[in-house]
Amino acid sequence: MVSLQAYVRPGHHTLRYADIGDLQEAKRLGFYIYEWAVAGRNGAPAVRVEARGVDPEYLGSYLIVRQRPNVGASASPTEASEAGVERDP
């Protein structure tokens, strides 16, 4: 997993939740916590974007998370069962 988190300076209201993405398409995780899932293109992994804060219009921080592709690694039993893959015991 690769992630990046950024914070807005306290007292600087410069970035709105709606500047990150369409709020109608976001999953609302709390009062002022929004999450968007962005599908990857051309074989790139999907990205999850989360914006949160204490203000109803302006965010305090945002997080971007991307899963690294597993190159040559086998899935753990939990990952395999979640993906519907049967493994030998």
N, C-alpha and C. Protein backbone atom coordinates (compact mmCIF):
# COMPACT_ATOMS: atom_id res chain seq x y z
N MET A 1 0.85 -1.17 0.00
CA MET A 1 0.00 0.00 0.00
C MET A 1 0.90 1.24 0.00
N VAL A 2 0.52 2.21 -0.78
CA VAL A 2 1.20 3.49 -0.83
C VAL A 2 0.18 4.54 -0.45
N SER A 3 0.56 5.45 0.46
CA SER A 3 -0.40 6.47 0.87
C SER A 3 0.28 7.82 1.03
N LEU A 4 -0.55 8.84 0.94
CA LEU A 4 -0.13 10.22 1.10
C LEU A 4 -1.19 10.91 1.93
N GLN A 5 -0.77 11.63 2.97
CA GLN A 5 -1.73 12.39 3.76
C GLN A 5 -1.25 13.83 3.84
N ALA A 6 -2.17 14.76 3.67
CA ALA A 6 -1.84 16.18 3.71
C ALA A 6 -2.80 16.89 4.66
N TYR A 7 -2.30 17.91 5.33
CA TYR A 7 -3.09 18.68 6.27
C TYR A 7 -3.17 20.13 5.80
N VAL A 8 -4.30 20.76 6.07
CA VAL A 8 -4.50 22.18 5.79
C VAL A 8 -4.05 22.95 7.03
N ARG A 9 -3.38 24.05 6.84
CA ARG A 9 -2.96 24.87 7.98
C ARG A 9 -4.17 25.33 8.77
N PRO A 10 -4.10 25.24 10.08
CA PRO A 10 -5.22 25.73 10.90
C PRO A 10 -5.52 27.20 10.59
N GLY A 11 -6.79 27.50 10.45
CA GLY A 11 -7.21 28.87 10.17
C GLY A 11 -7.24 29.23 8.70
N HIS A 12 -6.76 28.36 7.83
CA HIS A 12 -6.77 28.63 6.39
C HIS A 12 -7.86 27.77 5.75
N HIS A 13 -8.95 28.38 5.39
CA HIS A 13 -10.06 27.68 4.75
C HIS A 13 -9.92 27.85 3.25
N THR A 14 -9.14 26.97 2.64
CA THR A 14 -8.87 27.13 1.21
C THR A 14 -9.31 25.95 0.37
N LEU A 15 -9.60 24.81 0.98
CA LEU A 15 -9.94 23.62 0.20
C LEU A 15 -11.27 23.05 0.70
N ARG A 16 -12.26 23.03 -0.19
CA ARG A 16 -13.58 22.50 0.14
C ARG A 16 -13.64 21.00 -0.15
N TYR A 17 -14.51 20.31 0.54
CA TYR A 17 -14.73 18.88 0.25
C TYR A 17 -15.11 18.71 -1.22
N ALA A 18 -15.94 19.60 -1.72
CA ALA A 18 -16.41 19.53 -3.11
C ALA A 18 -15.28 19.77 -4.11
N ASP A 19 -14.16 20.37 -3.67
CA ASP A 19 -13.00 20.54 -4.55
C ASP A 19 -12.29 19.21 -4.78
N ILE A 20 -12.42 18.28 -3.84
CA ILE A 20 -11.80 16.96 -3.95
C ILE A 20 -12.61 16.07 -4.89
N GLY A 21 -13.93 16.07 -4.74
CA GLY A 21 -14.78 15.22 -5.57
C GLY A 21 -16.24 15.54 -5.35
N ASP A 22 -17.08 14.93 -6.17
CA ASP A 22 -18.53 15.13 -6.08
C ASP A 22 -19.04 14.50 -4.79
N LEU A 23 -19.64 15.29 -3.93
CA LEU A 23 -20.12 14.79 -2.65
C LEU A 23 -21.25 13.79 -2.81
N GLN A 24 -21.99 13.87 -3.90
CA GLN A 24 -23.07 12.91 -4.16
C GLN A 24 -22.51 11.52 -4.46
N GLU A 25 -21.28 11.45 -4.94
CA GLU A 25 -20.65 10.17 -5.26
C GLU A 25 -19.79 9.64 -4.11
N ALA A 26 -19.62 10.43 -3.07
CA ALA A 26 -18.78 10.03 -1.94
C ALA A 26 -19.55 9.17 -0.96
N LYS A 27 -18.83 8.29 -0.31
CA LYS A 27 -19.39 7.52 0.80
C LYS A 27 -19.15 8.37 2.05
N ARG A 28 -20.20 8.61 2.80
CA ARG A 28 -20.06 9.45 4.00
C ARG A 28 -19.78 8.55 5.19
N LEU A 29 -18.62 8.75 5.82
CA LEU A 29 -18.18 7.91 6.93
C LEU A 29 -18.43 8.53 8.30
N GLY A 30 -18.75 9.79 8.33
CA GLY A 30 -18.98 10.52 9.57
C GLY A 30 -19.58 11.87 9.24
N PHE A 31 -19.67 12.74 10.25
CA PHE A 31 -20.24 14.06 10.00
C PHE A 31 -19.51 14.76 8.86
N TYR A 32 -18.19 14.84 8.93
CA TYR A 32 -17.42 15.54 7.91
C TYR A 32 -16.27 14.67 7.43
N ILE A 33 -16.60 13.42 7.10
CA ILE A 33 -15.62 12.49 6.56
C ILE A 33 -16.23 11.89 5.29
N TYR A 34 -15.56 12.11 4.17
CA TYR A 34 -16.04 11.63 2.87
C TYR A 34 -14.98 10.74 2.24
N GLU A 35 -15.43 9.70 1.55
CA GLU A 35 -14.51 8.77 0.90
C GLU A 35 -14.97 8.52 -0.54
N TRP A 36 -14.01 8.59 -1.46
CA TRP A 36 -14.27 8.30 -2.86
C TRP A 36 -13.40 7.12 -3.28
N ALA A 37 -13.94 6.24 -4.09
CA ALA A 37 -13.18 5.15 -4.69
C ALA A 37 -13.00 5.49 -6.17
N VAL A 38 -11.76 5.55 -6.59
CA VAL A 38 -11.44 5.90 -7.97
C VAL A 38 -10.85 4.67 -8.63
N ALA A 39 -11.52 4.17 -9.66
CA ALA A 39 -11.06 2.97 -10.36
C ALA A 39 -9.75 3.25 -11.10
N GLY A 40 -8.88 2.26 -11.11
CA GLY A 40 -7.63 2.40 -11.84
C GLY A 40 -7.87 2.22 -13.34
N ARG A 41 -6.96 2.76 -14.13
CA ARG A 41 -7.05 2.61 -15.59
C ARG A 41 -5.81 1.92 -16.11
N ASN A 42 -5.99 1.22 -17.21
CA ASN A 42 -4.88 0.54 -17.88
C ASN A 42 -4.10 -0.37 -16.94
N GLY A 43 -4.82 -1.11 -16.11
CA GLY A 43 -4.18 -2.06 -15.20
C GLY A 43 -3.65 -1.45 -13.92
N ALA A 44 -3.79 -0.15 -13.74
CA ALA A 44 -3.33 0.50 -12.51
C ALA A 44 -4.30 0.17 -11.37
N PRO A 45 -3.79 0.06 -10.15
CA PRO A 45 -4.68 -0.23 -9.02
C PRO A 45 -5.63 0.93 -8.72
N ALA A 46 -6.72 0.60 -8.08
CA ALA A 46 -7.69 1.62 -7.68
C ALA A 46 -7.10 2.50 -6.59
N VAL A 47 -7.69 3.67 -6.42
CA VAL A 47 -7.24 4.64 -5.42
C VAL A 47 -8.42 4.98 -4.53
N ARG A 48 -8.15 5.12 -3.23
CA ARG A 48 -9.16 5.56 -2.27
C ARG A 48 -8.75 6.95 -1.80
N VAL A 49 -9.68 7.89 -1.84
CA VAL A 49 -9.43 9.26 -1.40
C VAL A 49 -10.38 9.55 -0.25
N GLU A 50 -9.82 10.05 0.84
CA GLU A 50 -10.63 10.36 2.01
C GLU A 50 -10.34 11.80 2.44
N ALA A 51 -11.39 12.56 2.67
CA ALA A 51 -11.27 13.94 3.14
C ALA A 51 -12.02 14.05 4.45
N ARG A 52 -11.41 14.75 5.41
CA ARG A 52 -12.06 14.89 6.72
C ARG A 52 -11.75 16.23 7.34
N GLY A 53 -12.58 16.62 8.28
CA GLY A 53 -12.37 17.88 8.98
C GLY A 53 -13.44 18.10 10.03
N VAL A 54 -13.43 19.30 10.63
CA VAL A 54 -14.41 19.64 11.65
C VAL A 54 -15.37 20.71 11.15
N ASP A 55 -15.13 21.22 9.96
CA ASP A 55 -15.96 22.26 9.35
C ASP A 55 -16.87 21.61 8.31
N PRO A 56 -18.13 22.03 8.20
CA PRO A 56 -19.03 21.40 7.24
C PRO A 56 -18.69 21.66 5.77
N GLU A 57 -17.89 22.68 5.48
CA GLU A 57 -17.56 23.01 4.09
C GLU A 57 -16.10 22.79 3.75
N TYR A 58 -15.20 23.12 4.66
CA TYR A 58 -13.76 23.06 4.40
C TYR A 58 -13.10 21.90 5.12
N LEU A 59 -12.24 21.18 4.43
CA LEU A 59 -11.60 20.02 5.03
C LEU A 59 -10.36 20.42 5.81
N GLY A 60 -9.95 19.53 6.70
CA GLY A 60 -8.75 19.74 7.49
C GLY A 60 -7.60 18.89 7.01
N SER A 61 -7.92 17.72 6.41
CA SER A 61 -6.88 16.85 5.87
C SER A 61 -7.49 15.95 4.80
N TYR A 62 -6.61 15.39 3.99
CA TYR A 62 -7.06 14.38 3.04
C TYR A 62 -6.01 13.31 2.91
N LEU A 63 -6.46 12.15 2.50
CA LEU A 63 -5.63 10.96 2.42
C LEU A 63 -5.87 10.30 1.07
N ILE A 64 -4.79 9.89 0.42
CA ILE A 64 -4.88 9.17 -0.84
C ILE A 64 -4.16 7.84 -0.64
N VAL A 65 -4.84 6.74 -0.91
CA VAL A 65 -4.28 5.41 -0.69
C VAL A 65 -4.38 4.59 -1.97
N ARG A 66 -3.29 3.94 -2.33
CA ARG A 66 -3.27 3.06 -3.50
C ARG A 66 -2.62 1.75 -3.08
N GLN A 67 -3.24 0.67 -3.47
CA GLN A 67 -2.67 -0.65 -3.20
C GLN A 67 -1.57 -0.93 -4.22
N ARG A 68 -0.46 -1.44 -3.75
CA ARG A 68 0.60 -1.85 -4.66
C ARG A 68 0.22 -3.19 -5.27
N PRO A 69 0.49 -3.37 -6.56
CA PRO A 69 0.19 -4.68 -7.16
C PRO A 69 1.14 -5.73 -6.58
N ASN A 70 0.61 -6.92 -6.32
CA ASN A 70 1.42 -8.03 -5.82
C ASN A 70 2.11 -8.70 -6.99
N VAL A 71 3.38 -8.45 -7.15
CA VAL A 71 4.14 -9.03 -8.25
C VAL A 71 4.83 -10.27 -7.73
N GLY A 72 4.40 -11.44 -8.21
CA GLY A 72 5.03 -12.70 -7.84
C GLY A 72 4.75 -13.15 -6.43
N ALA A 73 3.88 -12.49 -5.70
CA ALA A 73 3.56 -12.88 -4.33
C ALA A 73 2.23 -13.61 -4.33
N SER A 74 2.16 -14.66 -3.54
CA SER A 74 0.89 -15.37 -3.43
C SER A 74 0.05 -14.71 -2.36
N ALA A 75 -1.25 -14.82 -2.54
CA ALA A 75 -2.18 -14.19 -1.60
C ALA A 75 -2.20 -14.96 -0.30
N SER A 76 -2.43 -14.26 0.79
CA SER A 76 -2.58 -14.91 2.08
C SER A 76 -3.90 -15.69 2.06
N PRO A 77 -4.08 -16.65 2.98
CA PRO A 77 -5.35 -17.38 3.00
C PRO A 77 -6.56 -16.46 3.14
N THR A 78 -6.45 -15.41 3.94
CA THR A 78 -7.57 -14.48 4.10
C THR A 78 -7.86 -13.76 2.80
N GLU A 79 -6.81 -13.23 2.14
CA GLU A 79 -7.01 -12.55 0.86
C GLU A 79 -7.57 -13.50 -0.18
N ALA A 80 -7.09 -14.72 -0.20
CA ALA A 80 -7.55 -15.69 -1.19
C ALA A 80 -9.02 -16.02 -0.97
N SER A 81 -9.44 -16.20 0.30
CA SER A 81 -10.84 -16.53 0.55
C SER A 81 -11.75 -15.36 0.23
N GLU A 82 -11.28 -14.12 0.50
CA GLU A 82 -12.08 -12.96 0.17
C GLU A 82 -12.22 -12.79 -1.33
N ALA A 83 -11.22 -13.23 -2.08
CA ALA A 83 -11.26 -13.11 -3.53
C ALA A 83 -11.98 -14.30 -4.17
N GLY A 84 -12.39 -15.28 -3.33
CA GLY A 84 -13.07 -16.44 -3.86
C GLY A 84 -12.13 -17.48 -4.47
N VAL A 85 -10.86 -17.42 -4.08
CA VAL A 85 -9.86 -18.35 -4.61
C VAL A 85 -9.69 -19.48 -3.62
N GLU A 86 -9.74 -20.71 -4.11
CA GLU A 86 -9.53 -21.86 -3.23
C GLU A 86 -8.06 -22.19 -3.21
N ARG A 87 -7.55 -22.49 -2.01
CA ARG A 87 -6.13 -22.84 -1.84
C ARG A 87 -6.04 -24.22 -1.25
N ASP A 88 -4.97 -24.90 -1.55
CA ASP A 88 -4.71 -26.21 -0.95
C ASP A 88 -4.31 -26.02 0.50
N PRO A 89 -4.75 -26.95 1.39
CA PRO A 89 -4.40 -26.81 2.82
C PRO A 89 -2.93 -27.04 3.07
